[in-house]
Amino acid sequence: MPLKHKSIMELFDTSVTVFGAPGRYVQGPGALRLVGDCAATLGSAAVLVIDGVIRDMLAERIRESCAAAGVGLTVLSFSGELGRCTGSQLQAQLGGPVSMVIAAGGGRAIDAGKALSERVGGGLISLPTVASNDAPTSKNFVLYDEEHRLLEVRHLTRNPDFVIVDTAILSKAPRALFRAGLGDALAKKFEADACLKNGGGTMFLASSTRLAHRIAGFCYETLVRHAAAAWSVAGTGAVTEDFDAAVEAMILMAGLGFESGGLSLPHALTRGIPLLPRGATVPHGMQVAWALIVHFETLGLEPPPELVALYRAVGLPLCLEDLGVPPPSSADLAALADATLAVRHAKNMPFELDARTLLNAVLRVETRAATRSPVL
């Protein structure tokens, strides 16, 4: 009988440190033109999984770039929820073998491409068209149920071969998506801090490298310096130095920082927030932003003043009302705590977190917001 190979999640433990990264990260105005040449290094037949909303805008440009490099391209649109059957449904639309998957769009479309890549193998190129999250750099992808509740986080055997970030395209994306990406990225430093101090496991189930921890910290420093000015031009089509720096932090630095530096309570809370009234419709990055405020409260710390100033400048949430979530009931809060504490990231804290401690922190955050305390 052939030997059974271990999955990527079975290879490591916290007795070793592991750093993972994409093969190449390419960023700049017009970077889309390079997709064909990059694809040609991986093979001669590609499938493009692209968000249906942007297919008419970008698919032909990608096809032309691939054709010029001698790469044939099949185009598959993706819309809707990303579920257990997404990968197999996309695979069923293929007419033959392919050398690679090119995934273009926002987080869901890129994760759909990863789901297909898991099934067909070969190379993987991610081509984000928004800066709403750091999915483009990582090996992870997320599956949801019909109510948009997270079912499973799956892991490819390696990170994408290429991440191609055309900032001219991202600069025209809706501002709300930029804000969500900012909320997600700002938490990475504090989650990596908690993970390192606790000796917790990263997305490789290994210990954090010093480099990943520093990258997460520099991600935060970069956003504090550049994000407010980047926000002022987001959606206008202008690619300024501030916008370019913020995009690099939100996609590359945040991606490397979370995957090899580790996650903690803010991302664990994203399992519980969808169980609150209207919580399932809140964008992931906005959930993380509110959860970061709870994280500080849980640790008995005040959010850094520069972070609060940035939240206020761009409209990130300081309370559930800012998320459009009505006051939760005791049962809602109990469900939030149960779902959150079941996630391994919740263990990456300086102490063992229990439901009472977590919920007391949530209630203090909400009470402070209601009384308009000067702390926030």
Protein backbone atom coordinates (compact mmCIF):
# COMPACT_ATOMS: atom_id res chain seq x y z
CA MET A 1 0.00 0.00 0.00
CA PRO A 2 1.29 3.52 -0.75
CA LEU A 3 2.34 5.63 2.19
CA LYS A 4 -0.15 8.25 3.34
CA HIS A 5 1.44 11.69 3.15
CA LYS A 6 0.83 14.11 5.98
CA SER A 7 -1.21 17.23 5.30
CA ILE A 8 0.37 20.64 5.75
CA MET A 9 -1.42 20.93 9.09
CA GLU A 10 0.19 17.72 10.37
CA LEU A 11 3.79 18.53 9.60
CA PHE A 12 4.74 20.94 12.37
CA ASP A 13 4.28 21.78 16.05
CA THR A 14 5.39 24.56 18.38
CA SER A 15 8.78 22.94 18.94
CA VAL A 16 9.81 24.54 15.61
CA THR A 17 9.35 27.93 13.98
CA VAL A 18 7.99 28.13 10.44
CA PHE A 19 7.78 31.01 7.98
CA GLY A 20 5.59 30.77 4.89
CA ALA A 21 5.25 33.21 2.01
CA PRO A 22 4.16 33.47 -1.63
CA GLY A 23 6.78 32.75 -4.27
CA ARG A 24 6.69 36.29 -5.69
CA TYR A 25 4.80 39.43 -4.66
CA VAL A 26 4.36 42.03 -7.43
CA GLN A 27 2.74 45.44 -6.79
CA GLY A 28 2.32 48.62 -8.79
CA PRO A 29 0.11 50.51 -11.26
CA GLY A 30 -0.39 48.37 -14.36
CA ALA A 31 1.01 45.20 -12.76
CA LEU A 32 -1.86 43.25 -14.36
CA ARG A 33 0.08 43.27 -17.63
CA LEU A 34 2.57 40.82 -16.08
CA VAL A 35 0.08 38.07 -15.35
CA GLY A 36 0.74 36.25 -18.63
CA ASP A 37 4.53 36.22 -18.27
CA CYS A 38 4.20 35.02 -14.67
CA ALA A 39 1.74 32.32 -15.71
CA ALA A 40 4.09 31.11 -18.45
CA THR A 41 6.65 30.13 -15.79
CA LEU A 42 4.08 27.70 -14.37
CA GLY A 43 2.77 26.06 -17.56
CA SER A 44 0.81 26.60 -20.75
CA ALA A 45 -2.83 26.13 -19.69
CA ALA A 46 -4.54 28.25 -17.05
CA VAL A 47 -8.02 28.63 -15.64
CA LEU A 48 -9.14 32.06 -14.44
CA VAL A 49 -11.61 32.09 -11.55
CA ILE A 50 -12.91 35.65 -11.50
CA ASP A 51 -15.56 37.50 -9.55
CA GLY A 52 -18.56 37.82 -11.86
CA VAL A 53 -18.89 41.51 -11.03
CA ILE A 54 -15.51 42.34 -12.59
CA ARG A 55 -15.42 39.75 -15.38
CA ASP A 56 -16.33 42.20 -18.13
CA MET A 57 -13.77 44.70 -16.83
CA LEU A 58 -10.72 42.43 -16.50
CA ALA A 59 -11.14 38.98 -18.04
CA GLU A 60 -10.26 40.02 -21.58
CA ARG A 61 -7.17 41.92 -20.43
CA ILE A 62 -5.98 38.84 -18.56
CA ARG A 63 -6.71 36.65 -21.59
CA GLU A 64 -4.68 38.96 -23.85
CA SER A 65 -1.75 38.98 -21.44
CA CYS A 66 -1.80 35.18 -21.24
CA ALA A 67 -2.14 34.76 -25.02
CA ALA A 68 0.86 37.02 -25.61
CA ALA A 69 2.89 34.74 -23.32
CA GLY A 70 1.65 31.53 -24.98
CA VAL A 71 -0.71 30.52 -22.17
CA GLY A 72 -4.20 29.28 -22.99
CA LEU A 73 -6.96 30.49 -20.68
CA THR A 74 -10.32 29.14 -19.58
CA VAL A 75 -12.50 31.71 -17.78
CA LEU A 76 -14.90 30.72 -14.99
CA SER A 77 -17.06 33.25 -13.17
CA PHE A 78 -17.69 32.98 -9.45
CA SER A 79 -20.51 34.65 -7.56
CA GLY A 80 -22.30 33.95 -4.32
CA GLU A 81 -21.26 31.96 -1.28
CA LEU A 82 -18.13 29.87 -0.95
CA GLY A 83 -19.19 26.45 0.30
CA ARG A 84 -18.05 22.84 0.53
CA CYS A 85 -18.99 22.14 -3.09
CA THR A 86 -17.45 25.24 -4.67
CA GLY A 87 -14.21 23.54 -5.71
CA SER A 88 -15.94 20.53 -7.27
CA GLN A 89 -18.50 22.72 -9.02
CA LEU A 90 -15.77 24.80 -10.62
CA GLN A 91 -13.78 21.71 -11.56
CA ALA A 92 -16.83 20.26 -13.31
CA GLN A 93 -16.79 23.24 -15.69
CA LEU A 94 -13.27 22.53 -16.91
CA GLY A 95 -12.86 21.00 -20.32
CA GLY A 96 -9.45 19.47 -19.66
CA PRO A 97 -6.34 19.61 -17.49
CA VAL A 98 -4.80 22.93 -16.50
CA SER A 99 -1.34 23.91 -15.29
CA MET A 100 -2.48 26.58 -12.86
CA VAL A 101 -5.33 28.56 -11.38
CA ILE A 102 -5.48 32.37 -11.58
CA ALA A 103 -7.83 33.74 -8.92
CA ALA A 104 -9.02 37.33 -9.44
CA GLY A 105 -11.32 39.51 -7.37
CA GLY A 106 -12.01 40.00 -3.68
CA GLY A 107 -11.50 37.54 -0.86
CA ARG A 108 -14.31 35.17 -1.83
CA ALA A 109 -13.27 34.88 -5.47
CA ILE A 110 -9.65 34.30 -4.49
CA ASP A 111 -10.72 31.65 -1.98
CA ALA A 112 -12.86 30.03 -4.69
CA GLY A 113 -9.75 29.85 -6.86
CA LYS A 114 -7.88 28.25 -3.97
CA ALA A 115 -10.69 25.72 -3.54
CA LEU A 116 -10.30 24.77 -7.22
CA SER A 117 -6.51 24.73 -6.92
CA GLU A 118 -6.77 22.25 -4.06
CA ARG A 119 -8.53 19.85 -6.42
CA VAL A 120 -6.56 20.31 -9.65
CA GLY A 121 -3.07 21.00 -8.30
CA GLY A 122 -0.49 22.93 -10.28
CA GLY A 123 0.40 26.58 -9.81
CA LEU A 124 -1.62 29.36 -8.23
CA ILE A 125 -1.67 33.08 -9.00
CA SER A 126 -3.77 35.46 -6.92
CA LEU A 127 -4.82 38.75 -8.45
CA PRO A 128 -6.68 40.87 -5.87
CA THR A 129 -8.80 43.71 -7.16
CA VAL A 130 -9.58 45.16 -3.72
CA ALA A 131 -7.55 45.59 -0.53
CA SER A 132 -10.31 44.22 1.68
CA ASN A 133 -8.23 41.42 3.23
CA ASP A 134 -4.89 39.61 3.12
CA ALA A 135 -6.17 36.36 1.58
CA PRO A 136 -4.10 36.83 -1.62
CA THR A 137 -0.79 35.93 0.08
CA SER A 138 -1.86 32.98 2.22
CA LYS A 139 -2.39 29.26 1.79
CA ASN A 140 -5.69 29.38 3.70
CA PHE A 141 -9.21 29.56 2.36
CA VAL A 142 -12.53 29.68 4.15
CA LEU A 143 -15.78 27.80 3.51
CA TYR A 144 -19.19 29.09 4.66
CA ASP A 145 -22.70 27.73 5.10
CA GLU A 146 -25.87 29.21 3.60
CA GLU A 147 -26.16 31.74 6.46
CA HIS A 148 -22.58 32.92 5.83
CA ARG A 149 -21.38 31.22 9.00
CA LEU A 150 -17.87 29.90 8.84
CA LEU A 151 -17.75 26.14 8.34
CA GLU A 152 -14.07 25.40 7.90
CA VAL A 153 -10.65 26.92 7.25
CA ARG A 154 -8.75 24.79 4.76
CA HIS A 155 -5.05 24.90 3.91
CA LEU A 156 -3.26 24.42 0.62
CA THR A 157 0.11 22.70 0.69
CA ARG A 158 1.83 25.97 -0.19
CA ASN A 159 1.22 29.68 -0.67
CA PRO A 160 0.45 31.18 -4.08
CA ASP A 161 3.29 31.17 -6.60
CA PHE A 162 2.56 34.78 -7.56
CA VAL A 163 0.55 37.59 -5.97
CA ILE A 164 -0.02 40.37 -8.50
CA VAL A 165 -1.42 43.61 -7.06
CA ASP A 166 -2.34 46.25 -9.63
CA THR A 167 -2.75 49.38 -7.50
CA ALA A 168 -4.39 51.25 -10.39
CA ILE A 169 -7.26 48.75 -10.15
CA LEU A 170 -7.38 48.76 -6.34
CA SER A 171 -7.44 52.56 -6.25
CA LYS A 172 -10.85 52.54 -7.96
CA ALA A 173 -12.45 49.95 -5.67
CA PRO A 174 -15.20 50.99 -3.23
CA ARG A 175 -13.88 52.80 -0.15
CA ALA A 176 -15.86 50.57 2.19
CA LEU A 177 -13.78 47.60 1.10
CA PHE A 178 -10.57 49.52 1.80
CA ARG A 179 -11.85 50.33 5.29
CA ALA A 180 -12.63 46.66 5.96
CA GLY A 181 -9.14 45.65 4.86
CA LEU A 182 -7.67 48.26 7.15
CA GLY A 183 -9.67 46.97 10.11
CA ASP A 184 -8.42 43.45 9.47
CA ALA A 185 -4.78 44.51 9.07
CA LEU A 186 -4.55 46.74 12.13
CA ALA A 187 -5.19 43.79 14.44
CA LYS A 188 -2.29 41.69 13.17
CA LYS A 189 0.40 43.29 15.35
CA PHE A 190 -1.56 42.80 18.56
CA GLU A 191 -2.53 39.24 17.68
CA ALA A 192 1.07 38.37 16.84
CA ASP A 193 2.14 39.94 20.15
CA ALA A 194 -0.30 37.78 22.09
CA CYS A 195 0.64 34.65 20.18
CA LEU A 196 4.39 35.16 20.71
CA LYS A 197 4.04 35.94 24.42
CA ASN A 198 1.92 32.83 24.96
CA GLY A 199 4.03 30.52 22.80
CA GLY A 200 0.93 29.82 20.73
CA GLY A 201 0.67 28.13 17.37
CA THR A 202 0.52 30.04 14.07
CA MET A 203 -1.40 29.04 10.94
CA PHE A 204 1.32 26.41 10.47
CA LEU A 205 0.65 25.14 14.03
CA ALA A 206 4.29 26.08 14.67
CA SER A 207 5.88 28.84 16.74
CA SER A 208 6.20 32.34 15.35
CA THR A 209 9.44 33.43 13.77
CA ARG A 210 10.96 36.67 14.98
CA LEU A 211 10.72 37.98 11.43
CA ALA A 212 6.97 37.39 11.18
CA HIS A 213 6.44 39.14 14.50
CA ARG A 214 8.43 42.15 13.29
CA ILE A 215 6.51 42.21 10.00
CA ALA A 216 3.21 42.34 11.89
CA GLY A 217 4.57 45.23 13.94
CA PHE A 218 5.80 47.10 10.88
CA CYS A 219 2.41 46.55 9.25
CA TYR A 220 0.84 48.49 12.12
CA GLU A 221 3.48 51.23 12.01
CA THR A 222 2.99 51.65 8.26
CA LEU A 223 -0.78 51.95 8.59
CA VAL A 224 -0.59 54.43 11.45
CA ARG A 225 1.65 56.58 9.24
CA HIS A 226 -0.09 56.21 5.89
CA ALA A 227 -3.65 54.85 6.21
CA ALA A 228 -5.53 58.07 6.96
CA ALA A 229 -4.06 59.78 3.90
CA ALA A 230 -4.64 56.64 1.83
CA TRP A 231 -8.27 56.64 2.96
CA SER A 232 -8.68 60.18 1.67
CA VAL A 233 -7.92 59.04 -1.89
CA ALA A 234 -9.36 55.51 -1.78
CA GLY A 235 -11.90 55.01 -4.55
CA THR A 236 -10.72 58.01 -6.59
CA GLY A 237 -8.28 56.21 -8.88
CA ALA A 238 -5.27 58.08 -7.47
CA VAL A 239 -2.24 55.95 -6.57
CA THR A 240 -0.31 58.05 -4.08
CA GLU A 241 2.68 57.01 -2.00
CA ASP A 242 0.38 56.74 1.02
CA PHE A 243 -2.06 54.53 -0.87
CA ASP A 244 0.72 52.31 -2.18
CA ALA A 245 2.22 51.91 1.30
CA ALA A 246 -1.16 51.12 2.86
CA VAL A 247 -1.94 48.48 0.23
CA GLU A 248 1.42 46.79 0.78
CA ALA A 249 0.74 46.73 4.52
CA MET A 250 -2.85 45.48 4.18
CA ILE A 251 -2.09 42.68 1.72
CA LEU A 252 1.56 41.64 2.03
CA MET A 253 2.61 42.59 5.56
CA ALA A 254 -0.69 41.63 7.15
CA GLY A 255 -0.70 38.33 5.28
CA LEU A 256 2.82 37.36 6.31
CA GLY A 257 2.22 38.66 9.82
CA PHE A 258 -0.91 36.65 10.51
CA GLU A 259 0.09 33.41 8.82
CA SER A 260 3.56 33.04 10.30
CA GLY A 261 3.07 35.33 13.33
CA GLY A 262 -0.21 33.94 14.60
CA LEU A 263 -3.73 35.05 15.44
CA SER A 264 -5.47 35.62 18.75
CA LEU A 265 -8.78 36.79 20.22
CA PRO A 266 -9.82 39.29 17.49
CA HIS A 267 -10.00 36.57 14.85
CA ALA A 268 -11.47 34.05 17.27
CA LEU A 269 -14.33 36.49 17.87
CA THR A 270 -15.19 36.43 14.16
CA ARG A 271 -16.65 32.97 14.79
CA GLY A 272 -19.03 34.42 17.36
CA ILE A 273 -20.01 37.78 15.84
CA PRO A 274 -22.09 36.21 13.01
CA LEU A 275 -24.31 34.66 15.70
CA LEU A 276 -25.37 38.10 16.94
CA PRO A 277 -28.41 39.81 15.40
CA ARG A 278 -27.36 41.11 11.94
CA GLY A 279 -23.81 40.05 12.71
CA ALA A 280 -23.53 37.69 9.76
CA THR A 281 -23.77 40.58 7.28
CA VAL A 282 -20.89 42.54 8.83
CA PRO A 283 -17.73 42.43 6.65
CA HIS A 284 -14.90 40.37 8.11
CA GLY A 285 -12.53 43.30 8.55
CA MET A 286 -15.13 45.34 10.40
CA GLN A 287 -15.73 42.40 12.72
CA VAL A 288 -12.01 42.18 13.43
CA ALA A 289 -11.78 45.92 14.10
CA TRP A 290 -14.45 45.79 16.81
CA ALA A 291 -12.98 42.57 18.19
CA LEU A 292 -9.60 44.30 18.58
CA ILE A 293 -11.21 46.81 20.95
CA VAL A 294 -12.58 43.87 22.96
CA HIS A 295 -9.11 42.30 22.88
CA PHE A 296 -7.60 45.34 24.60
CA GLU A 297 -10.39 45.38 27.18
CA THR A 298 -9.88 41.68 27.90
CA LEU A 299 -6.20 42.36 28.59
CA GLY A 300 -7.04 45.34 30.80
CA LEU A 301 -5.41 47.75 28.36
CA GLU A 302 -6.56 50.93 26.68
CA PRO A 303 -6.30 51.04 22.88
CA PRO A 304 -3.31 53.14 21.76
CA PRO A 305 -4.40 56.73 21.09
CA GLU A 306 -3.06 56.66 17.54
CA LEU A 307 -5.22 53.59 16.85
CA VAL A 308 -8.36 55.25 18.20
CA ALA A 309 -7.60 58.35 16.13
CA LEU A 310 -7.31 56.21 13.01
CA TYR A 311 -10.55 54.38 13.81
CA ARG A 312 -12.33 57.71 14.06
CA ALA A 313 -10.71 59.10 10.90
CA VAL A 314 -11.90 56.24 8.68
CA GLY A 315 -15.06 55.14 10.51
CA LEU A 316 -13.95 51.84 12.03
CA PRO A 317 -16.24 50.46 14.77
CA LEU A 318 -15.71 51.16 18.44
CA CYS A 319 -18.92 49.41 19.50
CA LEU A 320 -21.56 47.01 18.18
CA GLU A 321 -23.84 49.89 17.22
CA ASP A 322 -21.13 51.05 14.79
CA LEU A 323 -21.43 47.62 13.15
CA GLY A 324 -25.19 47.93 12.80
CA VAL A 325 -25.65 45.22 15.43
CA PRO A 326 -28.47 45.88 17.95
CA PRO A 327 -27.91 45.29 21.68
CA PRO A 328 -27.47 41.52 22.09
CA SER A 329 -29.45 39.43 24.56
CA SER A 330 -27.84 37.24 27.21
CA ALA A 331 -28.44 34.24 24.95
CA ASP A 332 -26.78 36.03 22.03
CA LEU A 333 -23.73 36.80 24.15
CA ALA A 334 -23.54 33.24 25.44
CA ALA A 335 -23.55 31.97 21.85
CA LEU A 336 -20.83 34.46 20.93
CA ALA A 337 -18.65 33.31 23.83
CA ASP A 338 -19.13 29.61 23.11
CA ALA A 339 -18.25 29.98 19.43
CA THR A 340 -15.26 32.21 20.15
CA LEU A 341 -13.70 30.05 22.85
CA ALA A 342 -13.99 26.96 20.66
CA VAL A 343 -11.43 28.46 18.23
CA ARG A 344 -7.78 27.66 18.88
CA HIS A 345 -6.77 31.30 18.33
CA ALA A 346 -8.57 32.16 21.59
CA LYS A 347 -5.90 30.15 23.43
CA ASN A 348 -3.17 32.49 22.15
CA MET A 349 -3.57 34.80 25.13
CA PRO A 350 -1.41 35.52 28.20
CA PHE A 351 -3.96 33.68 30.37
CA GLU A 352 -6.67 31.06 29.97
CA LEU A 353 -9.71 32.93 28.74
CA ASP A 354 -13.16 31.94 30.01
CA ALA A 355 -16.65 33.03 28.99
CA ARG A 356 -17.21 35.32 31.97
CA THR A 357 -13.98 37.25 31.37
CA LEU A 358 -14.73 37.62 27.68
CA LEU A 359 -18.33 38.72 28.11
CA ASN A 360 -17.46 41.17 30.86
CA ALA A 361 -14.96 42.75 28.45
CA VAL A 362 -17.61 42.97 25.73
CA LEU A 363 -20.08 44.60 28.11
CA ARG A 364 -17.49 47.12 29.31
CA VAL A 365 -16.72 48.09 25.71
CA GLU A 366 -20.40 48.60 24.99
CA THR A 367 -21.06 50.49 28.23
CA ARG A 368 -18.16 52.82 27.60
CA ALA A 369 -19.44 53.55 24.10
CA ALA A 370 -22.94 54.19 25.41
CA THR A 371 -21.69 56.65 28.02
CA ARG A 372 -19.27 58.22 25.52
CA SER A 373 -16.34 57.70 27.84
CA PRO A 374 -13.31 59.84 26.88
CA VAL A 375 -11.16 56.67 26.85
CA LEU A 376 -12.47 56.04 23.35
